[in-house]
C-alpha atoms as a PDB file:
ATOM      1  CA  MET A   1     -85.771 -18.150  11.067  1.00  0.00           C
ATOM      2  CA  VAL A   2     -83.968 -20.939   9.273  1.00  0.00           C
ATOM      3  CA  SER A   3     -83.537 -24.123  11.230  1.00  0.00           C
ATOM      4  CA  GLY A   4     -80.413 -26.274  11.075  1.00  0.00           C
ATOM      5  CA  LYS A   5     -82.426 -29.077   9.447  1.00  0.00           C
ATOM      6  CA  ASN A   6     -83.692 -26.837   6.606  1.00  0.00           C
ATOM      7  CA  LEU A   7     -80.202 -25.414   6.107  1.00  0.00           C
ATOM      8  CA  GLY A   8     -78.765 -28.934   5.890  1.00  0.00           C
ATOM      9  CA  ILE A   9     -81.382 -30.011   3.320  1.00  0.00           C
ATOM     10  CA  GLY A  10     -80.808 -26.871   1.262  1.00  0.00           C
ATOM     11  CA  LEU A  11     -77.057 -27.428   1.287  1.00  0.00           C
ATOM     12  CA  ALA A  12     -77.496 -31.067   0.256  1.00  0.00           C
ATOM     13  CA  VAL A  13     -79.759 -30.089  -2.669  1.00  0.00           C
ATOM     14  CA  PHE A  14     -77.296 -27.384  -3.756  1.00  0.00           C
ATOM     15  CA  LEU A  15     -74.369 -29.832  -3.726  1.00  0.00           C
ATOM     16  CA  PHE A  16     -76.399 -32.437  -5.622  1.00  0.00           C
ATOM     17  CA  VAL A  17     -77.345 -29.953  -8.365  1.00  0.00           C
ATOM     18  CA  ALA A  18     -73.783 -28.619  -8.544  1.00  0.00           C
ATOM     19  CA  GLY A  19     -72.464 -32.169  -8.890  1.00  0.00           C
ATOM     20  CA  MET A  20     -74.925 -32.969 -11.689  1.00  0.00           C
ATOM     21  CA  THR A  21     -73.968 -29.793 -13.566  1.00  0.00           C
ATOM     22  CA  THR A  22     -70.293 -30.731 -13.372  1.00  0.00           C
ATOM     23  CA  GLN A  23     -71.055 -34.188 -14.758  1.00  0.00           C
ATOM     24  CA  VAL A  24     -73.045 -32.756 -17.671  1.00  0.00           C
ATOM     25  CA  GLN A  25     -70.327 -30.220 -18.518  1.00  0.00           C
ATOM     26  CA  GLY A  26     -67.722 -32.971 -18.387  1.00  0.00           C
ATOM     27  CA  PHE A  27     -69.655 -35.167 -20.812  1.00  0.00           C
ATOM     28  CA  GLY A  28     -67.661 -33.844 -23.817  1.00  0.00           C
ATOM     29  CA  GLY A  29     -64.481 -35.042 -22.152  1.00  0.00           C
ATOM     30  CA  ALA A  30     -61.132 -35.801 -23.741  1.00  0.00           C
ATOM     31  CA  ASP A  31     -62.496 -38.748 -25.733  1.00  0.00           C
ATOM     32  CA  SER A  32     -65.117 -36.658 -27.539  1.00  0.00           C
ATOM     33  CA  GLY A  33     -62.587 -34.869 -29.732  1.00  0.00           C
ATOM     34  CA  CYS A  34     -63.676 -31.443 -28.566  1.00  0.00           C
ATOM     35  CA  VAL A  35     -61.817 -28.936 -26.473  1.00  0.00           C
ATOM     36  CA  HIS A  36     -64.064 -26.293 -24.947  1.00  0.00           C
ATOM     37  CA  GLY A  37     -62.815 -22.817 -24.268  1.00  0.00           C
ATOM     38  CA  GLY A  38     -59.917 -21.086 -25.952  1.00  0.00           C
ATOM     39  CA  VAL A  39     -59.762 -17.499 -27.081  1.00  0.00           C
ATOM     40  CA  GLY A  40     -63.260 -16.097 -27.450  1.00  0.00           C
ATOM     41  CA  GLY A  41     -64.783 -19.363 -26.235  1.00  0.00           C
ATOM     42  CA  SER A  42     -64.284 -20.996 -29.622  1.00  0.00           C
ATOM     43  CA  VAL A  43     -64.813 -24.719 -29.971  1.00  0.00           C
ATOM     44  CA  ARG A  44     -62.060 -26.832 -31.388  1.00  0.00           C
ATOM     45  CA  SER A  45     -62.652 -30.197 -33.020  1.00  0.00           C
ATOM     46  CA  MET A  46     -59.866 -32.678 -33.589  1.00  0.00           C
ATOM     47  CA  ILE A  47     -59.814 -33.769 -37.200  1.00  0.00           C
ATOM     48  CA  GLN A  48     -57.816 -36.163 -39.328  1.00  0.00           C
ATOM     49  CA  PHE A  49     -58.059 -36.072 -43.092  1.00  0.00           C
ATOM     50  CA  THR A  50     -56.358 -37.516 -46.140  1.00  0.00           C
ATOM     51  CA  GLY A  51     -55.751 -35.609 -49.325  1.00  0.00           C
ATOM     52  CA  THR A  52     -53.429 -34.634 -52.140  1.00  0.00           C
ATOM     53  CA  ILE A  53     -51.656 -31.299 -52.607  1.00  0.00           C
ATOM     54  CA  MET A  54     -52.779 -30.114 -56.043  1.00  0.00           C
ATOM     55  CA  CYS A  55     -50.764 -26.907 -56.354  1.00  0.00           C
ATOM     56  CA  VAL A  56     -48.569 -24.610 -54.278  1.00  0.00           C
ATOM     57  CA  ASP A  57     -48.536 -20.795 -54.485  1.00  0.00           C
ATOM     58  CA  CYS A  58     -51.952 -20.965 -56.130  1.00  0.00           C
ATOM     59  CA  ASP A  59     -55.574 -20.502 -55.120  1.00  0.00           C
ATOM     60  CA  LEU A  60     -58.832 -22.208 -56.098  1.00  0.00           C
ATOM     61  CA  ALA A  61     -59.295 -19.936 -59.137  1.00  0.00           C
ATOM     62  CA  ASP A  62     -55.774 -20.760 -60.362  1.00  0.00           C
ATOM     63  CA  LEU A  63     -56.476 -24.504 -60.083  1.00  0.00           C
ATOM     64  CA  GLU A  64     -59.635 -24.099 -62.160  1.00  0.00           C
ATOM     65  CA  GLN A  65     -57.635 -22.243 -64.844  1.00  0.00           C
ATOM     66  CA  ILE A  66     -54.817 -24.811 -64.838  1.00  0.00           C
ATOM     67  CA  ARG A  67     -57.161 -27.822 -64.910  1.00  0.00           C
ATOM     68  CA  PRO A  68     -60.611 -26.739 -66.147  1.00  0.00           C
ATOM     69  CA  GLY A  69     -63.446 -29.058 -65.158  1.00  0.00           C
ATOM     70  CA  ILE A  70     -61.384 -30.950 -62.589  1.00  0.00           C
ATOM     71  CA  GLU A  71     -63.558 -32.541 -59.927  1.00  0.00           C
ATOM     72  CA  GLY A  72     -62.802 -33.039 -56.259  1.00  0.00           C
ATOM     73  CA  ASN A  73     -63.172 -31.582 -52.790  1.00  0.00           C
ATOM     74  CA  PHE A  74     -60.716 -28.727 -53.100  1.00  0.00           C
ATOM     75  CA  TYR A  75     -59.756 -26.467 -50.218  1.00  0.00           C
ATOM     76  CA  GLN A  76     -57.433 -23.497 -50.196  1.00  0.00           C
ATOM     77  CA  LEU A  77     -55.082 -23.387 -47.230  1.00  0.00           C
ATOM     78  CA  ASN A  78     -53.428 -20.059 -46.392  1.00  0.00           C
ATOM     79  CA  TYR A  79     -50.268 -19.707 -44.320  1.00  0.00           C
ATOM     80  CA  GLU A  80     -48.378 -16.453 -43.715  1.00  0.00           C
ATOM     81  CA  GLY A  81     -48.969 -15.039 -47.197  1.00  0.00           C
ATOM     82  CA  GLN A  82     -48.590 -18.376 -48.982  1.00  0.00           C
ATOM     83  CA  GLN A  83     -51.333 -20.652 -50.174  1.00  0.00           C
ATOM     84  CA  LEU A  84     -51.895 -24.097 -51.554  1.00  0.00           C
ATOM     85  CA  VAL A  85     -54.830 -26.154 -52.750  1.00  0.00           C
ATOM     86  CA  ILE A  86     -55.513 -29.619 -51.410  1.00  0.00           C
ATOM     87  CA  ASN A  87     -58.018 -32.208 -52.622  1.00  0.00           C
ATOM     88  CA  ILE A  88     -59.572 -33.772 -49.508  1.00  0.00           C
ATOM     89  CA  THR A  89     -60.359 -37.428 -50.236  1.00  0.00           C
ATOM     90  CA  LYS A  90     -61.244 -38.726 -46.775  1.00  0.00           C
ATOM     91  CA  VAL A  91     -62.162 -37.227 -43.419  1.00  0.00           C
ATOM     92  CA  ALA A  92     -62.025 -39.608 -40.463  1.00  0.00           C
ATOM     93  CA  GLY A  93     -65.439 -40.003 -38.861  1.00  0.00           C
ATOM     94  CA  GLN A  94     -67.243 -37.766 -41.374  1.00  0.00           C
ATOM     95  CA  GLU A  95     -69.385 -39.520 -43.979  1.00  0.00           C
ATOM     96  CA  ASN A  96     -70.312 -36.200 -45.578  1.00  0.00           C
ATOM     97  CA  GLY A  97     -66.674 -35.152 -45.861  1.00  0.00           C
ATOM     98  CA  TRP A  98     -65.202 -31.931 -44.698  1.00  0.00           C
ATOM     99  CA  ARG A  99     -68.027 -29.775 -46.072  1.00  0.00           C
ATOM    100  CA  ALA A 100     -70.005 -30.804 -43.021  1.00  0.00           C
ATOM    101  CA  ILE A 101     -67.322 -29.070 -40.937  1.00  0.00           C
ATOM    102  CA  VAL A 102     -65.853 -26.275 -43.072  1.00  0.00           C
ATOM    103  CA  TRP A 103     -67.524 -24.210 -45.789  1.00  0.00           C
ATOM    104  CA  PRO A 104     -66.613 -22.157 -47.834  1.00  0.00           C
ATOM    105  CA  PRO A 105     -63.427 -24.026 -48.776  1.00  0.00           C
ATOM    106  CA  ASN A 106     -60.858 -21.524 -47.534  1.00  0.00           C
ATOM    107  CA  LEU A 107     -58.917 -21.953 -44.276  1.00  0.00           C
ATOM    108  CA  TYR A 108     -56.047 -20.238 -42.540  1.00  0.00           C
ATOM    109  CA  ILE A 109     -53.562 -22.643 -41.036  1.00  0.00           C
ATOM    110  CA  ARG A 110     -51.256 -22.382 -38.063  1.00  0.00           C
ATOM    111  CA  THR A 111     -48.368 -24.767 -37.689  1.00  0.00           C
ATOM    112  CA  LYS A 112     -44.617 -24.896 -37.240  1.00  0.00           C
ATOM    113  CA  PRO A 113     -42.673 -23.655 -40.287  1.00  0.00           C
ATOM    114  CA  SER A 114     -41.073 -27.108 -40.681  1.00  0.00           C
ATOM    115  CA  THR A 115     -44.506 -28.741 -40.839  1.00  0.00           C
ATOM    116  CA  PHE A 116     -45.684 -26.267 -43.466  1.00  0.00           C
ATOM    117  CA  GLN A 117     -42.544 -26.988 -45.499  1.00  0.00           C
ATOM    118  CA  LYS A 118     -43.622 -30.653 -45.669  1.00  0.00           C
ATOM    119  CA  LEU A 119     -46.880 -29.509 -47.259  1.00  0.00           C
ATOM    120  CA  VAL A 120     -45.269 -27.337 -49.914  1.00  0.00           C
ATOM    121  CA  ALA A 121     -42.202 -29.479 -50.698  1.00  0.00           C
ATOM    122  CA  GLU A 122     -42.067 -30.194 -54.435  1.00  0.00           C
ATOM    123  CA  GLU A 123     -41.338 -33.882 -53.835  1.00  0.00           C
ATOM    124  CA  ASN A 124     -44.658 -34.199 -51.962  1.00  0.00           C
ATOM    125  CA  LEU A 125     -46.814 -32.629 -54.684  1.00  0.00           C
ATOM    126  CA  PHE A 126     -49.556 -35.109 -55.734  1.00  0.00           C
ATOM    127  CA  LYS A 127     -48.616 -37.552 -52.970  1.00  0.00           C
ATOM    128  CA  THR A 128     -51.225 -38.706 -50.487  1.00  0.00           C
ATOM    129  CA  ILE A 129     -50.861 -36.972 -47.149  1.00  0.00           C
ATOM    130  CA  GLU A 130     -52.592 -37.435 -43.819  1.00  0.00           C
ATOM    131  CA  VAL A 131     -53.119 -34.337 -41.698  1.00  0.00           C
ATOM    132  CA  THR A 132     -54.064 -34.234 -38.024  1.00  0.00           C
ATOM    133  CA  GLY A 133     -55.136 -30.986 -36.443  1.00  0.00           C
ATOM    134  CA  LEU A 134     -57.742 -28.853 -34.730  1.00  0.00           C
ATOM    135  CA  VAL A 135     -60.441 -26.924 -36.569  1.00  0.00           C
ATOM    136  CA  ARG A 136     -61.525 -23.724 -34.858  1.00  0.00           C
ATOM    137  CA  GLY A 137     -64.717 -21.790 -35.394  1.00  0.00           C
ATOM    138  CA  THR A 138     -62.619 -18.879 -36.647  1.00  0.00           C
ATOM    139  CA  ARG A 139     -61.884 -20.711 -39.952  1.00  0.00           C
ATOM    140  CA  ARG A 140     -58.484 -21.698 -38.671  1.00  0.00           C
ATOM    141  CA  LEU A 141     -56.832 -25.104 -38.869  1.00  0.00           C
ATOM    142  CA  ASP A 142     -54.086 -25.783 -36.335  1.00  0.00           C
ATOM    143  CA  ILE A 143     -51.987 -28.541 -37.938  1.00  0.00           C
ATOM    144  CA  MET A 144     -50.375 -30.854 -35.410  1.00  0.00           C
ATOM    145  CA  ASP A 145     -48.917 -33.545 -37.662  1.00  0.00           C
ATOM    146  CA  ILE A 146     -48.487 -34.487 -41.320  1.00  0.00           C
ATOM    147  CA  VAL A 147     -47.676 -37.968 -42.618  1.00  0.00           C
ATOM    148  CA  ILE A 148     -46.609 -38.368 -46.249  1.00  0.00           C
ATOM    149  CA  GLN A 149     -47.796 -41.672 -47.716  1.00  0.00           C
ATOM    150  CA  GLY A 150     -45.917 -43.175 -50.647  1.00  0.00           C
END
């Protein structure tokens, strides 16, 4: 038979452990840059990077043909049947660049059509741009904002 005292101690231990688990799970928090969950339990990481659009309606192989031997951190971004190549020059908080986050260099992007139009606008070709978004484990980049510099 379980006494009231043993039941009370058991309940207290259970609540203590449950409280500790909640604190550990909450450690990632809003300030960590990670959002847990999503479709399929994928992890999203907030990212901000700077780069230059090298070509529009082209892929990595096309860039190599157009400019043989060109060096940089080139990534192909795909959006609803269109593609572009960007040279990533800086990734906020990542000393090793974007390769530490995304490899091979081919991503599918989701964004509003108006935001994508900023990326592919002829007047923005070769300008420095800053992109803020979420990188998902499914090789998808959700672009939230683009700032054209210069």
